[in-house]
Amino acid sequence: MLIDRLADAGRELGVDIRAGVGLKTLQPPANGGDGQFLLTDTAGNVERVDRVLATIPSPVLLRLVPNMPEPYRSKLLSARYQGAVCMLLQLNHPLSSTYWMNIGDERLPFTGIIE
């Protein structure tokens, strides 16, 4: 519901949201200045857009923008990533009386329990 409402709010402001469209390349405006971005999707369609909001991992962004200007490229390459796996369980009864429990024991393979 949250994502759908966020998308609706964006559309109300004139944002064009396209789900399920793969991006092949992203070319920023010349010299990093103002201008339009040039997008090429995986079907070969090319389009110019005013702004791009990329919520993808840095290595993927660098692959889409091979001529990323310095020093932004260096900033992206210096970021360290940590993986996270979320497990969802449906239980017949509460696990505990605590809604959110942080776990700081390095011997355990998880860092929290949220009910």
PDB file of N, CA and C in Angstrom:
ATOM      1  N   MET A   1       0.815  -1.197   0.000  1.00  0.00           N
ATOM      2  CA  MET A   1       0.000   0.000   0.000  1.00  0.00           C
ATOM      3  C   MET A   1       0.860   1.263   0.000  1.00  0.00           C
ATOM      4  N   LEU A   2       1.959   1.229   0.748  1.00  0.00           N
ATOM      5  CA  LEU A   2       2.827   2.400   0.828  1.00  0.00           C
ATOM      6  C   LEU A   2       3.422   2.730  -0.536  1.00  0.00           C
ATOM      7  N   ILE A   3       3.940   1.726  -1.232  1.00  0.00           N
ATOM      8  CA  ILE A   3       4.545   1.947  -2.547  1.00  0.00           C
ATOM      9  C   ILE A   3       3.503   2.451  -3.541  1.00  0.00           C
ATOM     10  N   ASP A   4       2.305   1.853  -3.510  1.00  0.00           N
ATOM     11  CA  ASP A   4       1.244   2.286  -4.416  1.00  0.00           C
ATOM     12  C   ASP A   4       0.853   3.730  -4.161  1.00  0.00           C
ATOM     13  N   ARG A   5       0.746   4.117  -2.894  1.00  0.00           N
ATOM     14  CA  ARG A   5       0.378   5.497  -2.566  1.00  0.00           C
ATOM     15  C   ARG A   5       1.494   6.468  -2.965  1.00  0.00           C
ATOM     16  N   LEU A   6       2.731   6.073  -2.771  1.00  0.00           N
ATOM     17  CA  LEU A   6       3.861   6.905  -3.191  1.00  0.00           C
ATOM     18  C   LEU A   6       3.851   7.098  -4.703  1.00  0.00           C
ATOM     19  N   ALA A   7       3.581   6.032  -5.437  1.00  0.00           N
ATOM     20  CA  ALA A   7       3.486   6.126  -6.901  1.00  0.00           C
ATOM     21  C   ALA A   7       2.325   7.031  -7.301  1.00  0.00           C
ATOM     22  N   ASP A   8       1.174   6.897  -6.635  1.00  0.00           N
ATOM     23  CA  ASP A   8       0.028   7.759  -6.927  1.00  0.00           C
ATOM     24  C   ASP A   8       0.364   9.223  -6.690  1.00  0.00           C
ATOM     25  N   ALA A   9       1.058   9.507  -5.583  1.00  0.00           N
ATOM     26  CA  ALA A   9       1.438  10.890  -5.270  1.00  0.00           C
ATOM     27  C   ALA A   9       2.376  11.437  -6.343  1.00  0.00           C
ATOM     28  N   GLY A  10       3.299  10.612  -6.814  1.00  0.00           N
ATOM     29  CA  GLY A  10       4.190  11.037  -7.886  1.00  0.00           C
ATOM     30  C   GLY A  10       3.438  11.328  -9.164  1.00  0.00           C
ATOM     31  N   ARG A  11       2.527  10.453  -9.511  1.00  0.00           N
ATOM     32  CA  ARG A  11       1.725  10.667 -10.731  1.00  0.00           C
ATOM     33  C   ARG A  11       0.895  11.941 -10.636  1.00  0.00           C
ATOM     34  N   GLU A  12       0.374  12.232  -9.438  1.00  0.00           N
ATOM     35  CA  GLU A  12      -0.385  13.470  -9.232  1.00  0.00           C
ATOM     36  C   GLU A  12       0.475  14.705  -9.486  1.00  0.00           C
ATOM     37  N   LEU A  13       1.796  14.557  -9.309  1.00  0.00           N
ATOM     38  CA  LEU A  13       2.737  15.654  -9.558  1.00  0.00           C
ATOM     39  C   LEU A  13       3.302  15.627 -10.972  1.00  0.00           C
ATOM     40  N   GLY A  14       2.808  14.698 -11.801  1.00  0.00           N
ATOM     41  CA  GLY A  14       3.244  14.641 -13.186  1.00  0.00           C
ATOM     42  C   GLY A  14       4.393  13.691 -13.463  1.00  0.00           C
ATOM     43  N   VAL A  15       4.721  12.827 -12.495  1.00  0.00           N
ATOM     44  CA  VAL A  15       5.810  11.870 -12.679  1.00  0.00           C
ATOM     45  C   VAL A  15       5.313  10.705 -13.526  1.00  0.00           C
ATOM     46  N   ASP A  16       6.126  10.302 -14.495  1.00  0.00           N
ATOM     47  CA  ASP A  16       5.816   9.155 -15.345  1.00  0.00           C
ATOM     48  C   ASP A  16       6.563   7.953 -14.786  1.00  0.00           C
ATOM     49  N   ILE A  17       5.834   7.011 -14.213  1.00  0.00           N
ATOM     50  CA  ILE A  17       6.438   5.830 -13.597  1.00  0.00           C
ATOM     51  C   ILE A  17       6.172   4.632 -14.497  1.00  0.00           C
ATOM     52  N   ARG A  18       7.232   3.902 -14.814  1.00  0.00           N
ATOM     53  CA  ARG A  18       7.100   2.718 -15.664  1.00  0.00           C
ATOM     54  C   ARG A  18       7.727   1.525 -14.959  1.00  0.00           C
ATOM     55  N   ALA A  19       6.894   0.629 -14.530  1.00  0.00           N
ATOM     56  CA  ALA A  19       7.383  -0.575 -13.858  1.00  0.00           C
ATOM     57  C   ALA A  19       7.649  -1.658 -14.890  1.00  0.00           C
ATOM     58  N   GLY A  20       8.643  -2.483 -14.634  1.00  0.00           N
ATOM     59  CA  GLY A  20       8.923  -3.614 -15.495  1.00  0.00           C
ATOM     60  C   GLY A  20       9.653  -3.268 -16.783  1.00  0.00           C
ATOM     61  N   VAL A  21      10.220  -2.061 -16.865  1.00  0.00           N
ATOM     62  CA  VAL A  21      10.971  -1.648 -18.053  1.00  0.00           C
ATOM     63  C   VAL A  21      12.448  -1.700 -17.707  1.00  0.00           C
ATOM     64  N   GLY A  22      13.190  -2.528 -18.417  1.00  0.00           N
ATOM     65  CA  GLY A  22      14.619  -2.641 -18.165  1.00  0.00           C
ATOM     66  C   GLY A  22      15.392  -1.508 -18.820  1.00  0.00           C
ATOM     67  N   LEU A  23      16.397  -1.012 -18.142  1.00  0.00           N
ATOM     68  CA  LEU A  23      17.211   0.079 -18.664  1.00  0.00           C
ATOM     69  C   LEU A  23      18.561  -0.477 -19.111  1.00  0.00           C
ATOM     70  N   LYS A  24      18.978  -0.111 -20.320  1.00  0.00           N
ATOM     71  CA  LYS A  24      20.249  -0.594 -20.862  1.00  0.00           C
ATOM     72  C   LYS A  24      21.362   0.425 -20.631  1.00  0.00           C
ATOM     73  N   THR A  25      21.103   1.696 -20.946  1.00  0.00           N
ATOM     74  CA  THR A  25      22.088   2.756 -20.726  1.00  0.00           C
ATOM     75  C   THR A  25      21.395   4.014 -20.238  1.00  0.00           C
ATOM     76  N   LEU A  26      22.173   4.822 -19.541  1.00  0.00           N
ATOM     77  CA  LEU A  26      21.727   6.107 -19.026  1.00  0.00           C
ATOM     78  C   LEU A  26      22.837   7.106 -19.297  1.00  0.00           C
ATOM     79  N   GLN A  27      22.564   8.071 -20.146  1.00  0.00           N
ATOM     80  CA  GLN A  27      23.577   9.056 -20.503  1.00  0.00           C
ATOM     81  C   GLN A  27      23.200  10.386 -19.867  1.00  0.00           C
ATOM     82  N   PRO A  28      24.029  10.877 -18.924  1.00  0.00           N
ATOM     83  CA  PRO A  28      23.731  12.161 -18.283  1.00  0.00           C
ATOM     84  C   PRO A  28      23.950  13.327 -19.238  1.00  0.00           C
ATOM     85  N   PRO A  29      23.438  14.522 -18.879  1.00  0.00           N
ATOM     86  CA  PRO A  29      23.668  15.703 -19.722  1.00  0.00           C
ATOM     87  C   PRO A  29      25.160  15.964 -19.909  1.00  0.00           C
ATOM     88  N   ALA A  30      25.506  16.553 -21.029  1.00  0.00           N
ATOM     89  CA  ALA A  30      26.911  16.842 -21.338  1.00  0.00           C
ATOM     90  C   ALA A  30      27.539  17.711 -20.261  1.00  0.00           C
ATOM     91  N   ASN A  31      28.770  17.411 -19.912  1.00  0.00           N
ATOM     92  CA  ASN A  31      29.573  18.172 -18.943  1.00  0.00           C
ATOM     93  C   ASN A  31      28.926  18.248 -17.571  1.00  0.00           C
ATOM     94  N   GLY A  32      28.018  17.328 -17.248  1.00  0.00           N
ATOM     95  CA  GLY A  32      27.396  17.306 -15.935  1.00  0.00           C
ATOM     96  C   GLY A  32      26.492  18.490 -15.666  1.00  0.00           C
ATOM     97  N   GLY A  33      26.167  19.252 -16.682  1.00  0.00           N
ATOM     98  CA  GLY A  33      25.344  20.438 -16.503  1.00  0.00           C
ATOM     99  C   GLY A  33      23.864  20.137 -16.610  1.00  0.00           C
ATOM    100  N   ASP A  34      23.096  21.212 -16.691  1.00  0.00           N
ATOM    101  CA  ASP A  34      21.655  21.061 -16.861  1.00  0.00           C
ATOM    102  C   ASP A  34      21.364  20.545 -18.257  1.00  0.00           C
ATOM    103  N   GLY A  35      20.290  19.854 -18.389  1.00  0.00           N
ATOM    104  CA  GLY A  35      19.892  19.294 -19.670  1.00  0.00           C
ATOM    105  C   GLY A  35      19.156  18.005 -19.455  1.00  0.00           C
ATOM    106  N   GLN A  36      18.893  17.313 -20.517  1.00  0.00           N
ATOM    107  CA  GLN A  36      18.132  16.077 -20.419  1.00  0.00           C
ATOM    108  C   GLN A  36      19.039  14.853 -20.433  1.00  0.00           C
ATOM    109  N   PHE A  37      18.569  13.820 -19.738  1.00  0.00           N
ATOM    110  CA  PHE A  37      19.234  12.531 -19.743  1.00  0.00           C
ATOM    111  C   PHE A  37      18.721  11.739 -20.946  1.00  0.00           C
ATOM    112  N   LEU A  38      19.580  10.917 -21.497  1.00  0.00           N
ATOM    113  CA  LEU A  38      19.207  10.067 -22.619  1.00  0.00           C
ATOM    114  C   LEU A  38      19.153   8.627 -22.106  1.00  0.00           C
ATOM    115  N   LEU A  39      17.959   8.020 -22.168  1.00  0.00           N
ATOM    116  CA  LEU A  39      17.760   6.662 -21.681  1.00  0.00           C
ATOM    117  C   LEU A  39      17.562   5.717 -22.854  1.00  0.00           C
ATOM    118  N   THR A  40      18.158   4.546 -22.765  1.00  0.00           N
ATOM    119  CA  THR A  40      17.918   3.487 -23.742  1.00  0.00           C
ATOM    120  C   THR A  40      17.464   2.264 -22.970  1.00  0.00           C
ATOM    121  N   ASP A  41      16.265   1.753 -23.309  1.00  0.00           N
ATOM    122  CA  ASP A  41      15.775   0.573 -22.592  1.00  0.00           C
ATOM    123  C   ASP A  41      16.245  -0.696 -23.292  1.00  0.00           C
ATOM    124  N   THR A  42      15.958  -1.815 -22.676  1.00  0.00           N
ATOM    125  CA  THR A  42      16.450  -3.096 -23.195  1.00  0.00           C
ATOM    126  C   THR A  42      15.788  -3.494 -24.511  1.00  0.00           C
ATOM    127  N   ALA A  43      14.683  -2.830 -24.867  1.00  0.00           N
ATOM    128  CA  ALA A  43      14.034  -3.086 -26.157  1.00  0.00           C
ATOM    129  C   ALA A  43      14.611  -2.200 -27.259  1.00  0.00           C
ATOM    130  N   GLY A  44      15.559  -1.305 -26.893  1.00  0.00           N
ATOM    131  CA  GLY A  44      16.180  -0.422 -27.875  1.00  0.00           C
ATOM    132  C   GLY A  44      15.500   0.924 -28.023  1.00  0.00           C
ATOM    133  N   ASN A  45      14.448   1.177 -27.263  1.00  0.00           N
ATOM    134  CA  ASN A  45      13.770   2.477 -27.315  1.00  0.00           C
ATOM    135  C   ASN A  45      14.622   3.544 -26.634  1.00  0.00           C
ATOM    136  N   VAL A  46      14.683   4.725 -27.233  1.00  0.00           N
ATOM    137  CA  VAL A  46      15.479   5.830 -26.701  1.00  0.00           C
ATOM    138  C   VAL A  46      14.537   6.962 -26.330  1.00  0.00           C
ATOM    139  N   GLU A  47      14.813   7.581 -25.169  1.00  0.00           N
ATOM    140  CA  GLU A  47      13.953   8.656 -24.694  1.00  0.00           C
ATOM    141  C   GLU A  47      14.774   9.669 -23.912  1.00  0.00           C
ATOM    142  N   ARG A  48      14.379  10.928 -24.006  1.00  0.00           N
ATOM    143  CA  ARG A  48      15.011  11.994 -23.232  1.00  0.00           C
ATOM    144  C   ARG A  48      14.109  12.332 -22.046  1.00  0.00           C
ATOM    145  N   VAL A  49      14.732  12.477 -20.872  1.00  0.00           N
ATOM    146  CA  VAL A  49      13.977  12.803 -19.664  1.00  0.00           C
ATOM    147  C   VAL A  49      14.693  13.922 -18.914  1.00  0.00           C
ATOM    148  N   ASP A  50      13.924  14.636 -18.092  1.00  0.00           N
ATOM    149  CA  ASP A  50      14.485  15.766 -17.341  1.00  0.00           C
ATOM    150  C   ASP A  50      15.272  15.340 -16.112  1.00  0.00           C
ATOM    151  N   ARG A  51      14.780  14.319 -15.423  1.00  0.00           N
ATOM    152  CA  ARG A  51      15.409  13.877 -14.180  1.00  0.00           C
ATOM    153  C   ARG A  51      15.364  12.360 -14.093  1.00  0.00           C
ATOM    154  N   VAL A  52      16.316  11.814 -13.322  1.00  0.00           N
ATOM    155  CA  VAL A  52      16.366  10.377 -13.091  1.00  0.00           C
ATOM    156  C   VAL A  52      16.567  10.154 -11.596  1.00  0.00           C
ATOM    157  N   LEU A  53      15.755   9.290 -11.035  1.00  0.00           N
ATOM    158  CA  LEU A  53      15.912   8.867  -9.646  1.00  0.00           C
ATOM    159  C   LEU A  53      16.326   7.405  -9.682  1.00  0.00           C
ATOM    160  N   ALA A  54      17.577   7.144  -9.352  1.00  0.00           N
ATOM    161  CA  ALA A  54      18.106   5.781  -9.413  1.00  0.00           C
ATOM    162  C   ALA A  54      18.199   5.223  -8.002  1.00  0.00           C
ATOM    163  N   THR A  55      17.473   4.160  -7.740  1.00  0.00           N
ATOM    164  CA  THR A  55      17.507   3.503  -6.431  1.00  0.00           C
ATOM    165  C   THR A  55      18.092   2.108  -6.587  1.00  0.00           C
ATOM    166  N   ILE A  56      19.198   2.061  -7.290  1.00  0.00           N
ATOM    167  CA  ILE A  56      19.844   0.788  -7.608  1.00  0.00           C
ATOM    168  C   ILE A  56      21.234   0.773  -6.975  1.00  0.00           C
ATOM    169  N   PRO A  57      21.825  -0.402  -6.795  1.00  0.00           N
ATOM    170  CA  PRO A  57      23.177  -0.475  -6.244  1.00  0.00           C
ATOM    171  C   PRO A  57      24.186   0.261  -7.135  1.00  0.00           C
ATOM    172  N   SER A  58      25.184   0.823  -6.508  1.00  0.00           N
ATOM    173  CA  SER A  58      26.204   1.597  -7.229  1.00  0.00           C
ATOM    174  C   SER A  58      26.837   0.840  -8.390  1.00  0.00           C
ATOM    175  N   PRO A  59      27.202  -0.450  -8.234  1.00  0.00           N
ATOM    176  CA  PRO A  59      27.796  -1.154  -9.386  1.00  0.00           C
ATOM    177  C   PRO A  59      26.867  -1.211 -10.599  1.00  0.00           C
ATOM    178  N   VAL A  60      25.562  -1.321 -10.366  1.00  0.00           N
ATOM    179  CA  VAL A  60      24.608  -1.344 -11.476  1.00  0.00           C
ATOM    180  C   VAL A  60      24.540   0.033 -12.130  1.00  0.00           C
ATOM    181  N   LEU A  61      24.534   1.087 -11.317  1.00  0.00           N
ATOM    182  CA  LEU A  61      24.521   2.441 -11.864  1.00  0.00           C
ATOM    183  C   LEU A  61      25.770   2.701 -12.697  1.00  0.00           C
ATOM    184  N   LEU A  62      26.915   2.249 -12.225  1.00  0.00           N
ATOM    185  CA  LEU A  62      28.159   2.430 -12.987  1.00  0.00           C
ATOM    186  C   LEU A  62      28.122   1.656 -14.305  1.00  0.00           C
ATOM    187  N   ARG A  63      27.442   0.513 -14.321  1.00  0.00           N
ATOM    188  CA  ARG A  63      27.312  -0.247 -15.561  1.00  0.00           C
ATOM    189  C   ARG A  63      26.393   0.481 -16.549  1.00  0.00           C
ATOM    190  N   LEU A  64      25.355   1.140 -16.039  1.00  0.00           N
ATOM    191  CA  LEU A  64      24.435   1.885 -16.905  1.00  0.00           C
ATOM    192  C   LEU A  64      25.054   3.179 -17.420  1.00  0.00           C
ATOM    193  N   VAL A  65      25.948   3.760 -16.617  1.00  0.00           N
ATOM    194  CA  VAL A  65      26.594   5.031 -16.973  1.00  0.00           C
ATOM    195  C   VAL A  65      28.107   4.799 -17.013  1.00  0.00           C
ATOM    196  N   PRO A  66      28.605   4.183 -18.079  1.00  0.00           N
ATOM    197  CA  PRO A  66      30.029   3.850 -18.128  1.00  0.00           C
ATOM    198  C   PRO A  66      30.948   5.064 -18.120  1.00  0.00           C
ATOM    199  N   ASN A  67      30.462   6.211 -18.564  1.00  0.00           N
ATOM    200  CA  ASN A  67      31.298   7.425 -18.576  1.00  0.00           C
ATOM    201  C   ASN A  67      30.949   8.342 -17.402  1.00  0.00           C
ATOM    202  N   MET A  68      30.669   7.746 -16.236  1.00  0.00           N
ATOM    203  CA  MET A  68      30.341   8.509 -15.031  1.00  0.00           C
ATOM    204  C   MET A  68      31.498   9.453 -14.703  1.00  0.00           C
ATOM    205  N   PRO A  69      31.207  10.745 -14.511  1.00  0.00           N
ATOM    206  CA  PRO A  69      32.280  11.695 -14.223  1.00  0.00           C
ATOM    207  C   PRO A  69      32.893  11.489 -12.836  1.00  0.00           C
ATOM    208  N   GLU A  70      34.178  11.801 -12.760  1.00  0.00           N
ATOM    209  CA  GLU A  70      34.858  11.839 -11.460  1.00  0.00           C
ATOM    210  C   GLU A  70      34.474  13.159 -10.800  1.00  0.00           C
ATOM    211  N   PRO A  71      34.434  13.316  -9.507  1.00  0.00           N
ATOM    212  CA  PRO A  71      34.766  12.335  -8.472  1.00  0.00           C
ATOM    213  C   PRO A  71      33.578  11.464  -8.057  1.00  0.00           C
ATOM    214  N   TYR A  72      32.419  11.609  -8.726  1.00  0.00           N
ATOM    215  CA  TYR A  72      31.252  10.822  -8.339  1.00  0.00           C
ATOM    216  C   TYR A  72      31.498   9.330  -8.515  1.00  0.00           C
ATOM    217  N   ARG A  73      32.209   8.966  -9.577  1.00  0.00           N
ATOM    218  CA  ARG A  73      32.553   7.554  -9.799  1.00  0.00           C
ATOM    219  C   ARG A  73      33.339   7.014  -8.607  1.00  0.00           C
ATOM    220  N   SER A  74      34.304   7.783  -8.115  1.00  0.00           N
ATOM    221  CA  SER A  74      35.107   7.343  -6.970  1.00  0.00           C
ATOM    222  C   SER A  74      34.244   7.170  -5.724  1.00  0.00           C
ATOM    223  N   LYS A  75      33.295   8.078  -5.526  1.00  0.00           N
ATOM    224  CA  LYS A  75      32.394   7.950  -4.374  1.00  0.00           C
ATOM    225  C   LYS A  75      31.584   6.664  -4.466  1.00  0.00           C
ATOM    226  N   LEU A  76      31.081   6.358  -5.652  1.00  0.00           N
ATOM    227  CA  LEU A  76      30.294   5.138  -5.818  1.00  0.00           C
ATOM    228  C   LEU A  76      31.143   3.894  -5.597  1.00  0.00           C
ATOM    229  N   LEU A  77      32.385   3.922  -6.084  1.00  0.00           N
ATOM    230  CA  LEU A  77      33.261   2.760  -5.940  1.00  0.00           C
ATOM    231  C   LEU A  77      33.736   2.563  -4.511  1.00  0.00           C
ATOM    232  N   SER A  78      33.743   3.610  -3.702  1.00  0.00           N
ATOM    233  CA  SER A  78      34.237   3.483  -2.331  1.00  0.00           C
ATOM    234  C   SER A  78      33.165   3.011  -1.350  1.00  0.00           C
ATOM    235  N   ALA A  79      31.909   2.947  -1.782  1.00  0.00           N
ATOM    236  CA  ALA A  79      30.831   2.507  -0.887  1.00  0.00           C
ATOM    237  C   ALA A  79      30.952   1.016  -0.600  1.00  0.00           C
ATOM    238  N   ARG A  80      30.829   0.656   0.667  1.00  0.00           N
ATOM    239  CA  ARG A  80      30.843  -0.754   1.062  1.00  0.00           C
ATOM    240  C   ARG A  80      29.401  -1.205   1.259  1.00  0.00           C
ATOM    241  N   TYR A  81      29.086  -2.349   0.739  1.00  0.00           N
ATOM    242  CA  TYR A  81      27.726  -2.884   0.837  1.00  0.00           C
ATOM    243  C   TYR A  81      27.668  -4.030   1.825  1.00  0.00           C
ATOM    244  N   GLN A  82      26.547  -4.114   2.493  1.00  0.00           N
ATOM    245  CA  GLN A  82      26.256  -5.252   3.347  1.00  0.00           C
ATOM    246  C   GLN A  82      24.960  -5.863   2.855  1.00  0.00           C
ATOM    247  N   GLY A  83      24.930  -7.143   2.837  1.00  0.00           N
ATOM    248  CA  GLY A  83      23.716  -7.819   2.417  1.00  0.00           C
ATOM    249  C   GLY A  83      22.748  -7.991   3.570  1.00  0.00           C
ATOM    250  N   ALA A  84      21.490  -8.127   3.265  1.00  0.00           N
ATOM    251  CA  ALA A  84      20.479  -8.369   4.282  1.00  0.00           C
ATOM    252  C   ALA A  84      19.468  -9.373   3.739  1.00  0.00           C
ATOM    253  N   VAL A  85      19.112 -10.302   4.568  1.00  0.00           N
ATOM    254  CA  VAL A  85      18.092 -11.277   4.214  1.00  0.00           C
ATOM    255  C   VAL A  85      16.998 -11.174   5.264  1.00  0.00           C
ATOM    256  N   CYS A  86      15.774 -11.006   4.821  1.00  0.00           N
ATOM    257  CA  CYS A  86      14.633 -10.926   5.731  1.00  0.00           C
ATOM    258  C   CYS A  86      13.814 -12.202   5.599  1.00  0.00           C
ATOM    259  N   MET A  87      13.515 -12.779   6.729  1.00  0.00           N
ATOM    260  CA  MET A  87      12.698 -13.980   6.732  1.00  0.00           C
ATOM    261  C   MET A  87      11.346 -13.634   7.343  1.00  0.00           C
ATOM    262  N   LEU A  88      10.295 -14.092   6.725  1.00  0.00           N
ATOM    263  CA  LEU A  88       8.948 -13.831   7.189  1.00  0.00           C
ATOM    264  C   LEU A  88       8.331 -15.139   7.648  1.00  0.00           C
ATOM    265  N   LEU A  89       7.865 -15.154   8.897  1.00  0.00           N
ATOM    266  CA  LEU A  89       7.227 -16.338   9.452  1.00  0.00           C
ATOM    267  C   LEU A  89       5.796 -15.996   9.835  1.00  0.00           C
ATOM    268  N   GLN A  90       4.889 -16.882   9.562  1.00  0.00           N
ATOM    269  CA  GLN A  90       3.511 -16.720  10.032  1.00  0.00           C
ATOM    270  C   GLN A  90       3.313 -17.725  11.154  1.00  0.00           C
ATOM    271  N   LEU A  91       3.112 -17.192  12.371  1.00  0.00           N
ATOM    272  CA  LEU A  91       2.998 -18.037  13.548  1.00  0.00           C
ATOM    273  C   LEU A  91       1.572 -18.025  14.079  1.00  0.00           C
ATOM    274  N   ASN A  92       1.225 -19.052  14.814  1.00  0.00           N
ATOM    275  CA  ASN A  92      -0.098 -19.130  15.434  1.00  0.00           C
ATOM    276  C   ASN A  92      -0.165 -18.396  16.765  1.00  0.00           C
ATOM    277  N   HIS A  93       1.002 -18.046  17.307  1.00  0.00           N
ATOM    278  CA  HIS A  93       1.040 -17.349  18.596  1.00  0.00           C
ATOM    279  C   HIS A  93       2.247 -16.421  18.604  1.00  0.00           C
ATOM    280  N   PRO A  94       2.254 -15.396  19.484  1.00  0.00           N
ATOM    281  CA  PRO A  94       3.389 -14.473  19.543  1.00  0.00           C
ATOM    282  C   PRO A  94       4.681 -15.186  19.951  1.00  0.00           C
ATOM    283  N   LEU A  95       5.779 -14.719  19.423  1.00  0.00           N
ATOM    284  CA  LEU A  95       7.083 -15.260  19.797  1.00  0.00           C
ATOM    285  C   LEU A  95       7.501 -14.731  21.169  1.00  0.00           C
ATOM    286  N   SER A  96       7.147 -13.470  21.432  1.00  0.00           N
ATOM    287  CA  SER A  96       7.442 -12.841  22.718  1.00  0.00           C
ATOM    288  C   SER A  96       6.450 -11.696  22.919  1.00  0.00           C
ATOM    289  N   SER A  97       6.607 -10.981  24.018  1.00  0.00           N
ATOM    290  CA  SER A  97       5.742  -9.823  24.269  1.00  0.00           C
ATOM    291  C   SER A  97       6.382  -8.527  23.757  1.00  0.00           C
ATOM    292  N   THR A  98       7.553  -8.637  23.152  1.00  0.00           N
ATOM    293  CA  THR A  98       8.280  -7.468  22.652  1.00  0.00           C
ATOM    294  C   THR A  98       8.111  -7.370  21.146  1.00  0.00           C
ATOM    295  N   TYR A  99       7.696  -6.172  20.657  1.00  0.00           N
ATOM    296  CA  TYR A  99       7.478  -5.986  19.223  1.00  0.00           C
ATOM    297  C   TYR A  99       8.796  -6.001  18.458  1.00  0.00           C
ATOM    298  N   TRP A 100       9.797  -5.262  18.928  1.00  0.00           N
ATOM    299  CA  TRP A 100      11.067  -5.110  18.219  1.00  0.00           C
ATOM    300  C   TRP A 100      12.195  -5.481  19.169  1.00  0.00           C
ATOM    301  N   MET A 101      12.995  -6.453  18.797  1.00  0.00           N
ATOM    302  CA  MET A 101      14.093  -6.885  19.651  1.00  0.00           C
ATOM    303  C   MET A 101      15.388  -6.895  18.853  1.00  0.00           C
ATOM    304  N   ASN A 102      16.312  -5.993  19.196  1.00  0.00           N
ATOM    305  CA  ASN A 102      17.636  -5.991  18.579  1.00  0.00           C
ATOM    306  C   ASN A 102      18.478  -7.094  19.211  1.00  0.00           C
ATOM    307  N   ILE A 103      19.276  -7.751  18.404  1.00  0.00           N
ATOM    308  CA  ILE A 103      20.120  -8.829  18.892  1.00  0.00           C
ATOM    309  C   ILE A 103      21.568  -8.471  18.586  1.00  0.00           C
ATOM    310  N   GLY A 104      22.373  -8.359  19.615  1.00  0.00           N
ATOM    311  CA  GLY A 104      23.769  -7.961  19.456  1.00  0.00           C
ATOM    312  C   GLY A 104      24.747  -9.079  19.711  1.00  0.00           C
ATOM    313  N   ASP A 105      24.321 -10.297  19.636  1.00  0.00           N
ATOM    314  CA  ASP A 105      25.179 -11.450  19.883  1.00  0.00           C
ATOM    315  C   ASP A 105      25.822 -11.877  18.562  1.00  0.00           C
ATOM    316  N   GLU A 106      27.133 -11.706  18.450  1.00  0.00           N
ATOM    317  CA  GLU A 106      27.839 -12.018  17.206  1.00  0.00           C
ATOM    318  C   GLU A 106      27.792 -13.499  16.848  1.00  0.00           C
ATOM    319  N   ARG A 107      27.439 -14.363  17.808  1.00  0.00           N
ATOM    320  CA  ARG A 107      27.348 -15.796  17.524  1.00  0.00           C
ATOM    321  C   ARG A 107      26.071 -16.147  16.764  1.00  0.00           C
ATOM    322  N   LEU A 108      25.105 -15.229  16.744  1.00  0.00           N
ATOM    323  CA  LEU A 108      23.840 -15.494  16.068  1.00  0.00           C
ATOM    324  C   LEU A 108      23.865 -14.917  14.655  1.00  0.00           C
ATOM    325  N   PRO A 109      23.217 -15.574  13.709  1.00  0.00           N
ATOM    326  CA  PRO A 109      23.263 -15.126  12.314  1.00  0.00           C
ATOM    327  C   PRO A 109      22.242 -14.041  11.969  1.00  0.00           C
ATOM    328  N   PHE A 110      21.576 -13.445  12.957  1.00  0.00           N
ATOM    329  CA  PHE A 110      20.594 -12.410  12.693  1.00  0.00           C
ATOM    330  C   PHE A 110      20.742 -11.277  13.698  1.00  0.00           C
ATOM    331  N   THR A 111      20.227 -10.126  13.371  1.00  0.00           N
ATOM    332  CA  THR A 111      20.434  -8.936  14.218  1.00  0.00           C
ATOM    333  C   THR A 111      19.168  -8.405  14.849  1.00  0.00           C
ATOM    334  N   GLY A 112      18.037  -9.002  14.537  1.00  0.00           N
ATOM    335  CA  GLY A 112      16.818  -8.527  15.165  1.00  0.00           C
ATOM    336  C   GLY A 112      15.630  -9.405  14.871  1.00  0.00           C
ATOM    337  N   ILE A 113      14.618  -9.254  15.735  1.00  0.00           N
ATOM    338  CA  ILE A 113      13.345  -9.927  15.556  1.00  0.00           C
ATOM    339  C   ILE A 113      12.274  -8.859  15.652  1.00  0.00           C
ATOM    340  N   ILE A 114      11.452  -8.742  14.635  1.00  0.00           N
ATOM    341  CA  ILE A 114      10.366  -7.774  14.605  1.00  0.00           C
ATOM    342  C   ILE A 114       9.079  -8.550  14.422  1.00  0.00           C
ATOM    343  N   GLU A 115       8.166  -8.382  15.391  1.00  0.00           N
ATOM    344  CA  GLU A 115       6.881  -9.092  15.297  1.00  0.00           C
ATOM    345  C   GLU A 115       5.813  -8.174  14.780  1.00  0.00           C
TER     346      GLU A 115
END
